[in-house]
N, C-alpha and C. Protein backbone atom coordinates (compact mmCIF):
# COMPACT_ATOMS: atom_id res chain seq x y z
N MET A 1 120.90 -115.60 29.90
CA MET A 1 122.27 -115.66 29.33
C MET A 1 122.78 -114.36 28.40
N LYS A 2 121.82 -113.60 27.98
CA LYS A 2 122.27 -112.35 27.40
C LYS A 2 122.99 -111.57 28.50
N LYS A 3 121.89 -111.84 29.94
CA LYS A 3 122.58 -110.71 30.71
C LYS A 3 124.00 -111.04 30.88
N TRP A 4 124.25 -112.01 31.17
CA TRP A 4 125.80 -112.44 31.60
C TRP A 4 126.63 -112.00 30.52
N ILE A 5 126.29 -112.29 29.32
CA ILE A 5 126.74 -111.51 27.95
C ILE A 5 127.19 -110.10 28.20
N ILE A 6 126.11 -109.62 28.50
CA ILE A 6 126.61 -107.79 28.82
C ILE A 6 127.06 -107.74 30.05
N LEU A 7 126.81 -108.55 31.19
CA LEU A 7 127.74 -108.27 32.22
C LEU A 7 129.22 -108.71 32.45
N ILE A 8 129.82 -109.79 31.45
CA ILE A 8 130.96 -109.62 31.11
C ILE A 8 131.59 -108.59 30.54
N PHE A 9 130.89 -108.07 29.22
CA PHE A 9 131.58 -107.36 28.71
C PHE A 9 131.98 -105.87 29.33
N SER A 10 130.23 -105.75 30.16
CA SER A 10 130.81 -104.26 30.93
C SER A 10 131.83 -104.69 31.66
N ILE A 11 132.24 -105.56 32.23
CA ILE A 11 133.21 -105.72 33.18
C ILE A 11 134.78 -105.70 32.89
N HIS A 12 134.38 -106.32 31.63
CA HIS A 12 135.73 -105.89 30.44
C HIS A 12 135.88 -104.71 30.39
N PHE A 13 135.25 -104.36 29.97
CA PHE A 13 135.05 -102.86 29.51
C PHE A 13 135.59 -101.88 30.76
N LEU A 14 135.19 -101.89 32.01
CA LEU A 14 135.41 -101.33 32.62
C LEU A 14 136.90 -101.55 33.43
N LEU A 15 137.41 -102.94 33.35
CA LEU A 15 138.65 -103.05 33.73
C LEU A 15 139.89 -103.02 32.78
N THR A 16 139.52 -102.73 31.21
CA THR A 16 140.50 -102.34 30.54
C THR A 16 141.01 -101.22 30.37
N GLY A 17 140.59 -100.11 31.47
CA GLY A 17 140.72 -98.35 31.12
C GLY A 17 140.37 -98.17 29.95
N CYS A 18 138.72 -97.82 29.37
CA CYS A 18 138.64 -97.31 28.43
C CYS A 18 139.20 -95.57 28.36
N LYS A 19 139.61 -95.28 27.34
CA LYS A 19 139.80 -93.71 26.89
C LYS A 19 138.92 -93.24 27.46
N THR A 20 139.18 -91.63 27.71
CA THR A 20 138.41 -90.43 28.06
C THR A 20 137.83 -89.40 26.71
N ASN A 21 136.44 -88.77 26.82
CA ASN A 21 135.99 -88.36 25.61
C ASN A 21 136.79 -87.02 25.83
N ARG A 22 137.22 -86.65 26.97
CA ARG A 22 137.62 -85.20 26.96
C ARG A 22 138.60 -84.67 26.53
N ARG A 23 138.54 -83.12 26.41
CA ARG A 23 139.14 -82.52 25.04
C ARG A 23 140.66 -81.87 25.99
N ILE A 24 141.95 -82.22 25.15
CA ILE A 24 143.08 -81.59 25.97
C ILE A 24 142.82 -79.98 25.93
N ALA A 25 143.10 -79.50 27.21
CA ALA A 25 142.98 -77.95 27.39
C ALA A 25 144.51 -77.57 26.44
N THR A 26 144.68 -77.04 25.87
CA THR A 26 145.66 -76.18 24.95
C THR A 26 146.28 -74.96 25.98
N PRO A 27 147.66 -74.60 26.15
CA PRO A 27 147.95 -73.65 27.25
C PRO A 27 147.35 -72.53 26.83
N GLU A 28 146.62 -72.00 25.21
CA GLU A 28 146.11 -70.67 25.20
C GLU A 28 144.61 -71.04 25.71
N HIS A 29 143.91 -71.82 25.72
CA HIS A 29 142.92 -72.39 26.23
C HIS A 29 142.71 -72.24 27.76
N PHE A 30 143.63 -72.76 28.71
CA PHE A 30 143.75 -72.75 29.69
C PHE A 30 143.90 -71.54 30.18
N SER A 31 144.54 -70.70 29.70
CA SER A 31 145.26 -69.01 30.14
C SER A 31 143.64 -68.32 29.50
N ASN A 32 143.13 -68.62 28.77
CA ASN A 32 142.11 -67.80 28.48
C ASN A 32 141.11 -68.02 29.43
N VAL A 33 140.36 -68.99 29.95
CA VAL A 33 139.66 -69.65 31.10
C VAL A 33 139.81 -69.01 32.36
N MET A 34 141.27 -68.86 32.26
CA MET A 34 141.91 -68.48 33.96
C MET A 34 141.50 -67.08 33.93
N ARG A 35 141.93 -66.34 32.95
CA ARG A 35 141.86 -64.61 32.74
C ARG A 35 140.27 -64.25 32.38
N LYS A 36 139.30 -65.13 32.00
CA LYS A 36 137.79 -64.85 32.02
C LYS A 36 137.29 -64.89 33.40
N ASN A 37 138.21 -65.98 34.12
CA ASN A 37 137.35 -66.09 35.80
C ASN A 37 138.36 -65.05 36.46
N GLU A 38 139.12 -63.90 36.06
CA GLU A 38 139.44 -62.88 36.43
C GLU A 38 140.69 -63.54 37.28
N TYR A 39 141.74 -64.41 36.96
CA TYR A 39 143.20 -65.27 37.14
C TYR A 39 144.48 -64.12 36.73
N ILE A 40 145.10 -63.97 37.42
CA ILE A 40 146.35 -63.34 36.43
C ILE A 40 147.48 -64.21 36.31
N VAL A 41 147.53 -64.48 34.72
CA VAL A 41 148.13 -65.36 34.23
C VAL A 41 149.80 -65.62 33.87
N LYS A 42 150.42 -66.38 33.96
CA LYS A 42 151.89 -66.04 34.00
C LYS A 42 152.56 -67.56 33.39
N ASN A 43 152.94 -66.93 31.95
CA ASN A 43 153.55 -68.23 31.29
C ASN A 43 155.53 -68.80 32.17
N MET A 44 155.46 -69.78 32.79
CA MET A 44 156.45 -70.35 33.73
C MET A 44 157.90 -70.90 32.54
N ILE A 45 157.61 -70.86 31.57
CA ILE A 45 158.26 -72.06 30.69
C ILE A 45 159.72 -71.47 30.57
N ARG A 46 160.36 -70.63 31.03
CA ARG A 46 161.41 -70.12 30.98
C ARG A 46 162.07 -70.67 32.34
N LYS A 47 161.29 -71.20 33.71
CA LYS A 47 162.11 -71.83 34.63
C LYS A 47 162.38 -73.12 34.23
N TYR A 48 161.77 -73.65 32.96
CA TYR A 48 162.06 -75.25 32.64
C TYR A 48 162.92 -75.44 31.75
N GLN A 49 163.33 -74.05 31.31
CA GLN A 49 164.08 -74.45 29.84
C GLN A 49 165.14 -75.35 29.81
N ASN A 50 165.46 -75.75 30.83
CA ASN A 50 166.58 -76.77 30.83
C ASN A 50 165.76 -78.47 30.65
N ASN A 51 164.48 -77.99 30.82
CA ASN A 51 164.16 -79.61 30.96
C ASN A 51 163.59 -79.56 29.73
N LEU A 52 164.16 -80.49 28.65
CA LEU A 52 163.21 -80.02 27.15
C LEU A 52 161.92 -81.35 27.24
N SER A 53 161.74 -81.81 28.37
CA SER A 53 160.14 -82.91 28.11
C SER A 53 158.78 -81.77 28.79
N ILE A 54 159.21 -80.78 29.10
CA ILE A 54 158.04 -79.18 29.12
C ILE A 54 158.10 -78.75 28.56
N GLU A 55 156.93 -78.40 28.03
CA GLU A 55 156.81 -77.89 26.37
C GLU A 55 156.26 -76.60 26.92
N ALA A 56 155.07 -77.05 28.11
CA ALA A 56 154.48 -75.55 28.26
C ALA A 56 154.70 -75.51 29.88
N ALA A 57 154.12 -74.27 30.61
CA ALA A 57 154.05 -74.45 32.15
C ALA A 57 153.25 -73.00 32.21
N VAL A 58 152.57 -72.82 32.75
CA VAL A 58 151.32 -71.69 32.93
C VAL A 58 150.92 -71.90 33.99
N ILE A 59 150.70 -70.67 35.06
CA ILE A 59 150.31 -70.80 36.27
C ILE A 59 149.29 -69.62 36.44
N ALA A 60 148.44 -69.78 37.21
CA ALA A 60 147.62 -68.98 37.12
C ALA A 60 146.83 -68.47 38.73
N MET A 61 146.72 -67.49 38.91
CA MET A 61 146.70 -66.82 40.53
C MET A 61 145.52 -65.69 40.94
N LYS A 62 145.24 -65.95 41.38
CA LYS A 62 144.10 -65.20 42.09
C LYS A 62 144.57 -65.27 44.00
N GLU A 63 144.44 -64.09 44.39
CA GLU A 63 144.54 -64.27 46.11
C GLU A 63 145.15 -64.95 46.45
N ASP A 64 144.49 -66.38 47.09
CA ASP A 64 145.68 -67.27 47.73
C ASP A 64 145.71 -68.49 46.78
N LEU A 65 144.83 -68.47 45.58
CA LEU A 65 144.69 -69.67 44.23
C LEU A 65 145.68 -69.80 43.86
N ARG A 66 146.30 -70.52 43.52
CA ARG A 66 147.21 -70.87 42.32
C ARG A 66 146.70 -72.39 41.66
N ILE A 67 146.38 -72.46 40.55
CA ILE A 67 146.73 -73.54 39.26
C ILE A 67 147.45 -73.74 38.21
N GLU A 68 148.22 -74.48 38.50
CA GLU A 68 149.67 -75.17 37.38
C GLU A 68 148.77 -76.00 36.31
N TYR A 69 149.26 -75.65 35.34
CA TYR A 69 149.09 -76.50 33.83
C TYR A 69 150.26 -76.53 33.48
N TYR A 70 150.49 -77.75 33.10
CA TYR A 70 151.84 -78.23 32.05
C TYR A 70 152.05 -79.16 31.04
N LYS A 71 152.52 -78.94 30.03
CA LYS A 71 152.06 -79.86 28.94
C LYS A 71 153.38 -80.67 28.32
N THR A 72 153.32 -81.78 28.01
CA THR A 72 154.92 -82.43 28.58
C THR A 72 155.13 -82.85 26.65
N ASP A 73 156.17 -83.53 26.62
CA ASP A 73 156.24 -83.78 25.23
C ASP A 73 155.44 -85.57 24.93
N ASN A 74 155.21 -86.07 25.95
CA ASN A 74 154.41 -86.98 25.49
C ASN A 74 153.93 -87.74 27.04
N GLU A 75 152.95 -88.63 26.75
CA GLU A 75 152.15 -89.01 27.52
C GLU A 75 152.62 -89.76 29.22
N ASN A 76 153.80 -90.21 28.54
CA ASN A 76 154.60 -91.05 29.61
C ASN A 76 154.99 -90.15 30.50
N ARG A 77 156.20 -89.37 29.93
CA ARG A 77 156.26 -87.82 30.97
C ARG A 77 155.07 -87.11 31.82
N ALA A 78 153.63 -86.93 31.16
CA ALA A 78 152.87 -86.69 31.62
C ALA A 78 152.41 -87.93 33.03
N ALA A 79 152.35 -89.08 33.06
CA ALA A 79 151.98 -89.65 33.71
C ALA A 79 152.88 -89.99 34.75
N ALA A 80 154.06 -89.77 34.52
CA ALA A 80 155.71 -89.88 35.39
C ALA A 80 155.14 -88.28 36.53
N MET A 81 154.77 -87.36 35.99
CA MET A 81 154.55 -86.16 36.92
C MET A 81 153.27 -86.56 37.57
N PHE A 82 152.69 -87.22 36.76
CA PHE A 82 151.27 -87.17 37.84
C PHE A 82 151.63 -88.23 39.19
N ASP A 83 152.11 -89.17 39.01
CA ASP A 83 152.70 -90.27 39.95
C ASP A 83 153.55 -89.61 41.03
N ILE A 84 154.49 -88.49 40.69
CA ILE A 84 154.95 -87.65 41.65
C ILE A 84 154.26 -86.67 42.35
N ASN A 85 153.14 -86.14 41.67
CA ASN A 85 152.67 -85.15 42.47
C ASN A 85 151.54 -85.88 43.42
N LYS A 86 150.81 -86.83 42.99
CA LYS A 86 150.20 -87.50 43.30
C LYS A 86 150.98 -88.24 45.21
N GLU A 87 151.84 -88.50 45.01
CA GLU A 87 152.71 -88.95 46.17
C GLU A 87 153.26 -87.76 47.40
N LYS A 88 153.31 -87.16 46.12
CA LYS A 88 153.89 -85.03 47.08
C LYS A 88 152.24 -85.32 48.12
N CYS A 89 151.42 -85.34 47.46
CA CYS A 89 150.23 -84.56 48.23
C CYS A 89 149.43 -85.88 49.19
N ARG A 90 150.00 -87.16 48.82
CA ARG A 90 149.70 -88.13 49.81
C ARG A 90 150.86 -87.84 51.20
N ARG A 91 151.80 -87.89 50.75
CA ARG A 91 153.08 -87.91 51.95
C ARG A 91 152.44 -86.46 52.86
N ASN A 92 152.27 -85.53 52.28
CA ASN A 92 152.01 -84.47 52.87
C ASN A 92 150.40 -83.95 53.53
N ARG A 93 149.87 -85.05 53.84
CA ARG A 93 147.90 -84.86 54.05
C ARG A 93 148.58 -84.69 55.49
N GLU A 94 147.69 -84.15 56.28
CA GLU A 94 147.59 -83.95 57.33
C GLU A 94 145.69 -83.94 57.59
N ASN A 95 145.54 -85.09 58.64
CA ASN A 95 144.22 -85.15 58.87
C ASN A 95 143.33 -85.11 57.61
N LYS A 96 143.18 -86.18 57.07
CA LYS A 96 142.57 -86.44 56.09
C LYS A 96 141.20 -86.50 55.92
N VAL A 97 140.73 -86.16 55.13
CA VAL A 97 138.84 -86.07 55.27
C VAL A 97 138.30 -87.00 54.08
N SER A 98 138.74 -86.94 52.94
CA SER A 98 138.60 -87.76 51.77
C SER A 98 139.69 -87.88 50.38
N GLU A 99 139.60 -88.97 49.89
CA GLU A 99 140.66 -89.39 48.62
C GLU A 99 139.92 -90.01 47.50
N GLU A 100 139.93 -89.04 46.07
CA GLU A 100 139.39 -89.70 45.44
C GLU A 100 139.96 -90.02 44.11
N ASN A 101 140.09 -91.05 43.33
CA ASN A 101 140.95 -91.40 42.59
C ASN A 101 140.25 -91.97 41.00
N GLU A 102 140.44 -91.18 40.26
CA GLU A 102 139.95 -92.05 38.85
C GLU A 102 140.98 -91.94 37.77
N ASN A 103 140.87 -93.04 37.21
CA ASN A 103 141.81 -93.54 36.23
C ASN A 103 141.55 -94.12 34.85
N SER A 104 141.54 -94.07 33.74
CA SER A 104 141.62 -94.66 32.21
C SER A 104 142.98 -94.36 31.47
N GLU A 105 142.87 -94.77 30.70
CA GLU A 105 143.93 -95.18 29.49
C GLU A 105 144.63 -94.26 29.53
N ASP A 106 144.13 -92.94 29.24
CA ASP A 106 144.82 -91.16 28.74
C ASP A 106 144.15 -90.29 30.06
N TYR A 107 143.50 -90.93 30.96
CA TYR A 107 143.12 -89.51 32.56
C TYR A 107 143.12 -90.19 33.32
N SER A 108 143.88 -89.39 34.22
CA SER A 108 143.34 -89.75 36.08
C SER A 108 144.07 -88.42 36.53
N LYS A 109 142.96 -88.83 37.55
CA LYS A 109 142.69 -87.47 38.58
C LYS A 109 142.66 -87.83 40.17
N TYR A 110 143.66 -87.28 40.75
CA TYR A 110 143.54 -87.52 42.22
C TYR A 110 143.05 -86.18 42.84
N VAL A 111 141.92 -86.32 44.07
CA VAL A 111 141.75 -85.28 44.82
C VAL A 111 141.64 -85.96 46.14
N LEU A 112 142.63 -84.76 46.76
CA LEU A 112 142.52 -84.82 48.08
C LEU A 112 142.11 -83.95 49.38
N LYS A 113 141.02 -84.23 50.25
CA LYS A 113 140.95 -82.90 51.42
C LYS A 113 141.15 -83.62 52.60
N THR A 114 141.73 -82.20 53.16
CA THR A 114 141.95 -82.41 54.47
C THR A 114 141.65 -81.62 55.45
N ASN A 115 141.31 -81.76 56.44
CA ASN A 115 140.88 -80.43 57.34
C ASN A 115 141.28 -78.73 56.75
N PHE A 116 142.48 -78.50 56.07
CA PHE A 116 142.64 -77.40 55.64
C PHE A 116 143.00 -77.35 54.16
N ARG A 117 143.30 -78.40 53.74
CA ARG A 117 144.00 -78.15 52.39
C ARG A 117 142.99 -78.84 51.48
N TYR A 118 142.41 -78.21 50.15
CA TYR A 118 142.49 -79.12 49.21
C TYR A 118 142.85 -79.20 47.85
N LYS A 119 143.75 -80.36 47.32
CA LYS A 119 144.40 -80.81 46.28
C LYS A 119 144.02 -81.63 45.14
N VAL A 120 144.25 -81.33 43.97
CA VAL A 120 143.86 -81.81 43.01
C VAL A 120 145.06 -81.97 41.78
N VAL A 121 145.34 -83.29 41.68
CA VAL A 121 146.32 -83.80 40.47
C VAL A 121 145.33 -84.36 39.19
N ALA A 122 145.74 -83.85 38.38
CA ALA A 122 144.86 -84.21 36.69
C ALA A 122 146.00 -84.15 36.10
N ARG A 123 145.58 -85.40 34.85
CA ARG A 123 146.60 -85.59 33.80
C ARG A 123 145.47 -86.12 32.98
N LEU A 124 145.76 -85.54 31.65
CA LEU A 124 144.87 -85.84 30.51
C LEU A 124 146.19 -85.50 29.42
N LYS A 125 145.78 -86.93 28.94
CA LYS A 125 147.22 -87.33 27.87
C LYS A 125 148.42 -86.72 28.08
N ASN A 126 149.13 -85.54 27.53
CA ASN A 126 150.23 -85.18 27.71
C ASN A 126 150.12 -83.82 28.44
N THR A 127 149.00 -83.66 29.42
CA THR A 127 148.92 -82.41 30.25
C THR A 127 148.57 -82.91 31.34
N LEU A 128 149.46 -81.65 32.89
CA LEU A 128 149.07 -81.79 33.69
C LEU A 128 148.58 -80.78 34.47
N ILE A 129 147.49 -80.69 35.33
CA ILE A 129 146.98 -79.61 36.22
C ILE A 129 147.37 -80.04 37.50
N TYR A 130 147.78 -78.97 38.52
CA TYR A 130 147.95 -79.56 39.76
C TYR A 130 147.50 -78.07 40.56
N VAL A 131 147.14 -78.56 42.01
CA VAL A 131 146.34 -77.22 42.39
C VAL A 131 146.65 -78.17 44.24
N ASP A 132 146.89 -77.17 44.74
CA ASP A 132 147.19 -76.76 45.82
C ASP A 132 146.66 -75.74 47.20
N VAL A 133 145.32 -75.48 47.30
CA VAL A 133 144.46 -74.67 48.21
C VAL A 133 143.90 -74.50 49.24
N PRO A 134 143.48 -73.54 50.01
CA PRO A 134 142.91 -73.83 51.14
C PRO A 134 141.45 -74.52 50.89
N LEU A 135 141.13 -75.14 51.87
CA LEU A 135 139.54 -75.90 52.05
C LEU A 135 138.28 -75.39 51.40
N SER A 136 138.83 -74.24 52.36
CA SER A 136 137.51 -72.97 51.86
C SER A 136 137.12 -72.78 50.38
N GLU A 137 138.34 -73.00 49.34
CA GLU A 137 138.39 -72.60 47.66
C GLU A 137 137.88 -73.50 47.42
N GLU A 138 137.38 -74.82 47.58
CA GLU A 138 137.35 -76.14 47.01
C GLU A 138 136.20 -75.61 46.09
N THR A 139 135.08 -74.93 46.00
CA THR A 139 134.17 -74.75 45.18
C THR A 139 134.41 -73.92 43.86
N LYS A 140 135.43 -72.84 44.35
CA LYS A 140 135.87 -72.18 43.12
C LYS A 140 136.76 -72.65 41.94
N ILE A 141 137.25 -74.09 43.13
CA ILE A 141 138.46 -74.66 41.66
C ILE A 141 137.81 -75.86 40.96
N ARG A 142 136.84 -76.30 42.13
CA ARG A 142 135.91 -77.10 41.33
C ARG A 142 135.53 -76.92 40.09
N GLU A 143 135.04 -75.56 40.09
CA GLU A 143 133.89 -75.21 39.02
C GLU A 143 135.01 -74.95 37.57
N VAL A 144 136.51 -73.78 38.12
CA VAL A 144 137.15 -73.70 37.25
C VAL A 144 137.99 -74.83 36.22
N LEU A 145 138.33 -75.82 37.43
CA LEU A 145 138.58 -77.25 36.87
C LEU A 145 137.33 -77.55 35.44
N GLU A 146 136.15 -77.92 36.32
CA GLU A 146 135.16 -78.26 35.18
C GLU A 146 134.96 -77.20 34.13
N GLU A 147 135.29 -76.01 33.88
CA GLU A 147 135.23 -75.34 32.47
C GLU A 147 136.21 -75.53 31.78
N ILE A 148 137.54 -75.92 32.25
CA ILE A 148 138.10 -76.67 31.34
C ILE A 148 138.29 -78.04 30.93
N LYS A 149 137.62 -78.87 32.01
CA LYS A 149 137.02 -80.60 31.27
C LYS A 149 138.28 -81.38 32.46
N TYR A 150 138.70 -80.49 33.44
CA TYR A 150 139.50 -81.41 33.98
C TYR A 150 139.01 -81.84 35.17
């Protein structure tokens, strides 16, 4: 009987979308981690000055790598941006090798690997990370995303 109760609570916990215990990377933290990893960091908020829902936009670049960070005014906008960018990745996939999806109430992550590209869209509360790089750079990207906890 105890096993059934534990099983039912476990299933309920998994299905109701538990919250993540990840901490949001602020624009400053993202920038600092990227600089530490020898990326050139640019504040791109001027590009979005007419979009009041974007509070921060930072791009980190190194060689042929580009990692984009966005902070929005609320979680719903970040979720909408996540959905748009995920669909963009899915539409442009060529020779899909693998896809990964991770979802909880305040965290979503989509990873697409093709024969040529490694793409990541990750949302934590009201922030978003977007990556589209050559597949050969997957390890570098995984390491830096782990460092910022996305």
